[in-house]
Each structure stands twice: as C-alpha cells, then as structure tokens.
Protein backbone atom coordinates (compact mmCIF):
# COMPACT_ATOMS: atom_id res chain seq x y z
CA UNK A 1 194.31 61.72 189.06
CA UNK A 2 196.00 59.38 191.16
CA UNK A 3 194.47 56.13 189.98
CA UNK A 4 195.17 57.14 186.24
CA UNK A 5 198.90 57.44 187.49
CA UNK A 6 198.49 54.10 189.16
CA UNK A 7 197.50 52.69 185.81
CA UNK A 8 200.39 54.18 183.69
CA UNK A 9 203.08 53.17 186.13
CA UNK A 10 201.98 49.86 186.53
CA UNK A 11 201.59 49.61 182.61
CA UNK A 12 205.27 50.74 182.41
CA UNK A 13 206.46 48.72 185.47
CA UNK A 14 205.35 45.61 183.45
CA UNK A 15 207.16 46.82 180.27
CA UNK A 16 210.56 47.14 182.31
CA UNK A 17 210.51 44.17 183.95
CA UNK A 18 210.38 42.13 180.89
CA UNK A 19 213.30 44.40 179.30
CA UNK A 20 215.40 44.08 182.38
CA UNK A 21 214.82 40.31 182.44
CA UNK A 22 214.29 40.08 186.26
CA UNK A 23 211.30 38.53 185.69
CA UNK A 24 210.71 35.23 183.93
CA UNK A 25 208.67 35.30 180.21
CA UNK A 26 206.24 33.09 182.39
CA UNK A 27 205.30 36.01 184.60
CA UNK A 28 202.06 37.13 182.58
CA UNK A 29 200.56 33.58 182.96
CA UNK A 30 201.21 33.68 186.93
CA UNK A 31 199.79 37.18 187.14
CA UNK A 32 196.82 36.41 185.03
CA UNK A 33 196.27 33.40 186.77
CA UNK A 34 196.14 35.49 190.23
CA UNK A 35 193.59 37.76 188.66
CA UNK A 36 191.34 35.16 186.99
CA UNK A 37 191.35 33.00 189.72
CA UNK A 38 191.17 35.20 192.88
CA UNK A 39 190.79 38.88 191.72
CA UNK A 40 188.30 39.26 189.40
CA UNK A 41 186.00 36.74 191.61
CA UNK A 42 186.45 38.46 194.49
CA UNK A 43 185.32 41.83 192.60
CA UNK A 44 182.26 40.02 191.16
CA UNK A 45 180.84 38.71 194.36
CA UNK A 46 181.83 41.70 196.05
CA UNK A 47 180.02 44.41 193.66
CA UNK A 48 177.27 42.07 191.79
CA UNK A 49 176.12 41.29 195.38
CA UNK A 50 175.09 45.10 196.07
CA UNK A 51 174.16 45.83 192.43
CA UNK A 52 170.85 47.31 191.84
CA UNK A 53 169.62 45.37 188.60
CA UNK A 54 167.25 46.66 186.08
CA UNK A 55 166.05 46.51 182.55
CA UNK A 56 169.23 48.81 181.61
CA UNK A 57 171.43 45.81 182.64
CA UNK A 58 170.28 43.97 179.50
CA UNK A 59 171.91 46.82 177.30
CA UNK A 60 175.15 46.49 179.43
CA UNK A 61 175.46 42.89 178.60
CA UNK A 62 174.29 43.50 175.06
CA UNK A 63 176.84 45.99 174.42
CA UNK A 64 179.49 43.27 173.53
CA UNK A 65 177.44 41.29 171.40
CA UNK A 66 176.54 44.25 169.33
CA UNK A 67 179.86 45.36 168.98
CA UNK A 68 181.27 42.01 167.53
CA UNK A 69 178.63 41.41 165.32
CA UNK A 70 178.66 44.74 163.91
CA UNK A 71 182.60 44.45 163.74
CA UNK A 72 182.35 41.24 162.44
CA UNK A 73 180.23 42.31 159.49
CA UNK A 74 182.58 45.72 159.08
CA UNK A 75 185.60 43.84 158.75
CA UNK A 76 184.41 40.97 156.49
CA UNK A 77 183.01 43.89 154.14
CA UNK A 78 186.11 45.90 154.46
CA UNK A 79 188.46 42.65 153.82
CA UNK A 80 186.30 41.96 150.30
CA UNK A 81 186.75 45.58 149.52
CA UNK A 82 190.37 46.12 150.27
CA UNK A 83 191.36 42.18 148.89
CA UNK A 84 192.92 41.61 152.40
CA UNK A 85 193.68 37.96 153.28
CA UNK A 86 191.47 35.64 155.19
CA UNK A 87 193.62 35.13 158.13
CA UNK A 88 193.85 39.02 158.52
CA UNK A 89 190.40 39.52 158.41
CA UNK A 90 189.82 36.77 161.10
CA UNK A 91 192.49 38.88 163.15
CA UNK A 92 190.68 41.98 162.87
CA UNK A 93 187.48 40.27 163.60
CA UNK A 94 188.74 38.98 167.33
CA UNK A 95 190.94 41.95 168.34
CA UNK A 96 188.86 44.70 166.54
CA UNK A 97 185.47 43.26 168.02
CA UNK A 98 186.15 42.56 171.41
CA UNK A 99 187.60 44.79 174.23
CA UNK A 100 189.79 44.45 177.13
CA UNK A 101 186.80 45.05 179.29
CA UNK A 102 188.47 43.57 182.58
CA UNK A 103 192.30 43.55 182.67
CA UNK A 104 192.33 47.33 181.35
CA UNK A 105 188.35 48.25 181.72
CA UNK A 106 187.93 47.48 185.35
CA UNK A 107 190.99 49.71 186.33
CA UNK A 108 190.07 52.49 184.16
CA UNK A 109 186.30 52.47 185.46
CA UNK A 110 187.77 52.54 188.81
CA UNK A 111 189.80 55.51 187.70
CA UNK A 112 187.03 57.66 185.66
CA UNK A 113 184.19 56.51 187.63
CA UNK A 114 185.08 54.96 190.78
CA UNK A 115 184.85 51.34 192.54
CA UNK A 116 181.00 51.56 193.12
CA UNK A 117 180.22 51.09 189.23
CA UNK A 118 182.94 48.12 188.92
CA UNK A 119 179.67 45.84 189.01
CA UNK A 120 178.36 47.45 185.76
CA UNK A 121 181.75 46.78 184.41
CA UNK A 122 181.98 43.35 185.51
CA UNK A 123 178.67 42.53 184.03
CA UNK A 124 179.66 43.94 180.55
CA UNK A 125 182.70 41.92 180.90
CA UNK A 126 181.22 38.37 181.90
CA UNK A 127 177.87 38.46 180.09
CA UNK A 128 179.03 40.43 177.36
CA UNK A 129 182.67 40.03 176.37
CA UNK A 130 183.62 36.61 178.00
CA UNK A 131 180.24 34.92 176.63
CA UNK A 132 181.16 36.45 173.08
CA UNK A 133 184.75 35.34 173.08
CA UNK A 134 183.66 31.92 174.45
CA UNK A 135 181.26 31.57 171.64
CA UNK A 136 180.95 33.64 168.51
CA UNK A 137 184.84 34.51 169.05
CA UNK A 138 185.86 30.98 168.99
CA UNK A 139 183.46 30.20 166.19
CA UNK A 140 185.31 33.17 164.03
CA UNK A 141 188.65 32.14 164.88
CA UNK A 142 187.61 28.30 163.50
CA UNK A 143 186.01 29.75 160.52
CA UNK A 144 188.84 32.00 159.37
CA UNK A 145 191.64 29.38 160.15
CA UNK A 146 190.53 25.63 160.15
CA UNK A 147 188.73 23.24 162.12
CA UNK A 148 185.47 23.35 163.70
CA UNK A 149 184.98 24.46 167.25
CA UNK A 150 182.95 22.13 169.58
CA UNK A 151 179.87 23.15 171.31
CA UNK A 152 180.62 20.97 174.40
CA UNK A 153 183.94 22.52 174.81
CA UNK A 154 182.61 26.14 174.38
CA UNK A 155 180.12 25.42 177.17
CA UNK A 156 182.85 23.72 179.13
CA UNK A 157 185.03 26.74 178.69
CA UNK A 158 182.26 29.09 180.03
CA UNK A 159 181.14 27.25 182.99
CA UNK A 160 184.45 26.39 184.50
CA UNK A 161 185.78 30.31 183.93
CA UNK A 162 186.11 31.55 187.60
CA UNK A 163 184.79 35.03 187.27
CA UNK A 164 181.75 33.48 185.52
CA UNK A 165 181.29 30.82 188.41
CA UNK A 166 181.79 33.60 190.71
CA UNK A 167 179.11 35.70 189.04
CA UNK A 168 176.57 32.99 189.31
CA UNK A 169 177.63 32.59 193.18
CA UNK A 170 177.16 36.46 193.62
CA UNK A 171 173.61 36.22 192.39
CA UNK A 172 172.78 33.37 194.24
CA UNK A 173 173.83 35.01 197.36
CA UNK A 174 172.35 38.41 196.61
CA UNK A 175 169.56 37.93 199.34
CA UNK A 176 172.38 37.03 201.92
CA UNK A 177 173.95 39.84 204.06
CA UNK A 178 177.61 39.65 204.00
CA UNK A 179 179.35 40.34 207.67
CA UNK A 180 181.76 42.98 207.82
CA UNK A 181 184.95 40.70 207.57
CA UNK A 182 183.58 39.46 204.54
CA UNK A 183 183.26 42.56 202.67
CA UNK A 184 187.05 43.49 203.83
CA UNK A 185 188.61 40.38 202.57
CA UNK A 186 186.72 40.43 199.32
CA UNK A 187 187.72 44.61 198.75
CA UNK A 188 191.35 43.58 199.44
CA UNK A 189 191.60 40.92 197.04
CA UNK A 190 189.64 42.97 194.44
CA UNK A 191 191.87 46.00 194.69
CA UNK A 192 194.69 43.52 193.33
CA UNK A 193 193.26 43.89 189.90
CA UNK A 194 194.31 46.82 188.74
CA UNK A 195 198.15 46.52 189.80
CA UNK A 196 198.38 42.80 188.65
CA UNK A 197 196.26 42.96 185.36
CA UNK A 198 198.35 46.20 184.22
CA UNK A 199 201.66 44.75 185.11
CA UNK A 200 200.66 41.80 182.93
CA UNK A 201 199.71 43.77 180.05
CA UNK A 202 202.75 45.75 180.08
CA UNK A 203 205.05 42.85 180.24
CA UNK A 204 202.97 41.48 177.19
CA UNK A 205 203.47 44.26 175.23
CA UNK A 206 205.42 43.93 171.63
CA UNK A 207 206.22 46.72 169.12
CA UNK A 208 207.47 45.38 165.70
CA UNK A 209 208.13 47.54 162.30
CA UNK A 210 204.47 48.42 160.81
CA UNK A 211 205.26 47.45 157.26
CA UNK A 212 202.25 45.74 155.39
CA UNK A 213 200.10 46.36 158.46
CA UNK A 214 199.08 50.04 158.26
CA UNK A 215 195.69 49.27 156.65
CA UNK A 216 195.05 46.46 158.89
CA UNK A 217 195.84 48.66 162.31
CA UNK A 218 193.92 51.41 160.85
CA UNK A 219 190.85 49.62 160.17
CA UNK A 220 191.23 47.63 163.41
CA UNK A 221 191.65 50.35 166.01
CA UNK A 222 189.50 53.00 164.04
CA UNK A 223 186.72 50.62 164.69
CA UNK A 224 187.90 49.30 168.22
CA UNK A 225 188.75 53.08 169.81
CA UNK A 226 186.35 55.08 167.76
CA UNK A 227 183.60 54.00 165.24
CA UNK A 228 182.23 50.94 167.04
CA UNK A 229 181.74 52.70 170.70
CA UNK A 230 180.54 55.80 168.46
CA UNK A 231 178.12 53.15 166.91
CA UNK A 232 177.01 51.82 170.52
CA UNK A 233 176.34 55.42 171.90
CA UNK A 234 174.32 56.66 168.84
CA UNK A 235 172.08 53.31 169.48
CA UNK A 236 172.02 53.65 173.27
CA UNK A 237 171.82 57.56 173.73
CA UNK A 238 170.60 58.79 170.74
CA UNK A 239 167.91 56.09 169.41
CA UNK A 240 166.84 54.68 173.03
CA UNK A 241 167.45 57.60 174.90
CA UNK A 242 169.12 55.81 177.88
CA UNK A 243 171.02 57.61 180.59
CA UNK A 244 172.70 57.42 183.79
CA UNK A 245 176.11 56.21 185.24
CA UNK A 246 175.60 52.59 184.10
CA UNK A 247 175.15 53.57 180.57
CA UNK A 248 178.25 55.92 180.72
CA UNK A 249 180.14 52.86 181.87
CA UNK A 250 178.94 50.75 179.30
CA UNK A 251 179.80 52.96 176.45
CA UNK A 252 182.95 53.42 178.38
CA UNK A 253 183.60 49.80 178.13
CA UNK A 254 182.64 49.72 174.20
CA UNK A 255 185.66 52.03 173.62
CA UNK A 256 188.20 49.55 175.69
CA UNK A 257 191.65 48.76 173.72
CA UNK A 258 191.34 45.36 172.27
CA UNK A 259 191.27 42.28 174.20
CA UNK A 260 194.62 40.55 175.07
CA UNK A 261 192.78 36.68 175.28
CA UNK A 262 190.70 37.50 172.13
CA UNK A 263 194.47 38.04 170.56
CA UNK A 264 195.86 35.01 172.19
CA UNK A 265 193.13 32.67 170.81
CA UNK A 266 193.66 34.30 167.51
CA UNK A 267 197.26 33.46 167.58
CA UNK A 268 196.79 30.20 168.46
CA UNK A 269 194.71 29.75 165.21
CA UNK A 270 197.50 31.47 163.29
CA UNK A 271 195.39 34.35 162.27
CA UNK A 272 198.27 36.86 161.19
CA UNK A 273 200.31 36.98 164.34
CA UNK A 274 202.07 40.29 163.66
CA UNK A 275 199.43 42.32 163.36
CA UNK A 276 197.56 40.71 166.29
CA UNK A 277 200.96 41.86 168.19
CA UNK A 278 200.82 45.48 166.71
CA UNK A 279 196.89 45.66 167.43
CA UNK A 280 197.51 44.85 171.19
CA UNK A 281 200.97 46.60 171.24
CA UNK A 282 199.49 49.99 169.54
CA UNK A 283 195.93 49.61 170.88
CA UNK A 284 196.80 49.47 174.62
CA UNK A 285 198.85 52.42 175.20
CA UNK A 286 196.42 54.46 172.70
CA UNK A 287 193.84 53.66 174.57
CA UNK A 288 194.98 55.70 177.50
CA UNK A 289 194.74 58.82 175.47
CA UNK A 290 191.24 58.07 173.79
CA UNK A 291 189.40 56.96 177.04
CA UNK A 292 190.03 60.08 178.71
CA UNK A 293 188.00 61.91 175.78
CA UNK A 294 185.10 59.30 175.78
CA UNK A 295 185.01 59.62 179.54
CA UNK A 296 184.59 63.74 179.29
CA UNK A 297 182.24 63.20 176.09
CA UNK A 298 179.88 61.11 178.31
CA UNK A 299 179.54 63.33 181.25
CA UNK A 300 176.55 64.78 179.62
CA UNK A 301 174.83 61.57 179.54
C-alpha cells in the first residue's frame, strides 16, 4: 500500500510543480536524463546480475513485439473501417502499441510484485519495448508521416542507449560476484526510479477538450489497457500454459499505459498531436485504476 501511495504522490507532485511554475518547463528533460543515465542503468546491472535466466525469458522479451505487431494490424484495420486519418492511425500505432514499461512499469512492478522481480520488468522493457520503439516504432512513425528511417540511425540509437549498454554489461558481469558496497550503491541509485520517473510523468500530463478524439481514444486505450494484454494473457497463460511470477509480471507490463517516449517520437513526426497528448494524459492516470485489476486477476497464475 505504501508503494502505491508513493506512486500517486509523485505523480501529483509532478503535476503541481508544473502548475505552480516552481520548476522550469525543461524539468522533465532533466529528470528523465537522470533516470535514463543513472537510475535505469543501475537497476539493470543490479537486477539482471542476479536474475535466473531460462526459456521463459524469451516470452518476457517477446511480449512487446507481439503487442506492437498485433496492435499495428488492429489499428490499421480499424482505421480503414472507420475512415480515420492516416496520421491518427500512426499516432494510435505508436501509443496504443507500446507500453510505458520503464517509467511507469518498473515502479508499478515494485509496488505490486516487489523489488526482486524488477529484473523481469527491465528485460521486458529493454529487449522488448525499447527495441520495438527503436526499430518498428521509428519505421511506423516514418511510414505514417514522411521520410524514411536510416538503419544505421536505428542501430546507433539502440547501441548508445545507456540502459541497453547497462543491460549488456550486466550480462557480461553475471559470473563476477559484487562486493557489498557495490550492491548498496546500485540499490540507492535504482531506488530513485520511482520518485523521479513518476514526477516527470506528472509534470508532462496535459488535458485538452476531447472534441473529435473520442473514437481514437476509445480504440487506443481500449487496446492498450484491455484488449492487448488480454490477448497476451490468452496466448501465454491459456494456449501455452505458462505460469509463475515472471509471466505475471510480463502480462502486467503488457497492461501498462502508453509509452511517453513513443508519444514524443510520434509528435516529432506530427502524428495527430492532440490525440497523442490525451492518450498520455488520460491513459497514465487511468492505468492506476486498471493495473490493480490486472494484478488481482494474475494472482491465480
């Protein structure tokens, strides 16, 4: 309960800091920079180092690829059936198909499943969501707007992303025992993910009138928060019969709110900015209500 209260407080605090004008508009960039360059790498090294790898990890990483691929098809078909503008469909593909598996996902995993399973969330985020965003996500943004992504640029973004570098380093260092002081330092840095990430998310929330966006929002949030994770659950838990905490966390990650970074990339490509703003502005707070339902449902598996 205390962790959930902390999440809400940090989210509200971020929103209040923006409204009161006490922090500059560049605050999210500074907070995100700290999380990306220090907090997430520390968490990756700390938790991946002790994570027990098995075949189920392939399903953990594969979740985001499945979610995005099916989502792309779903929004393409829905867009054709409802005659939605091409840029609106592109906005839905990016924000409806990619979840906030790091900034919102990791704090939520810690709140509902404990710190020991953060490694599963990091795998789902780095080998799943981030890799999808850096490849298929950039491709989709380019296809639904204009221009073409450079393969070299995509590879460069992946390789130079600090949490991904930390993930590789963590795997390399797995045979090396960490001294106690190293674990303490990494833990304290990793603990900053929750307050900084959620404050940043709260700072960036924007609410505008919903005129003309109800259909897009219903499609995007309906898939991201309900239909998409339900399909993953039916496949993993039902068809494949997978069980255990790692699978629970994987499906829990599938049910996360839309990814802020995906929204930023979509905005850079001018893919229906008003809809993107509301996908994030409504989707993130709404997920605080839907994720406890998913956590309760997944207890039996």
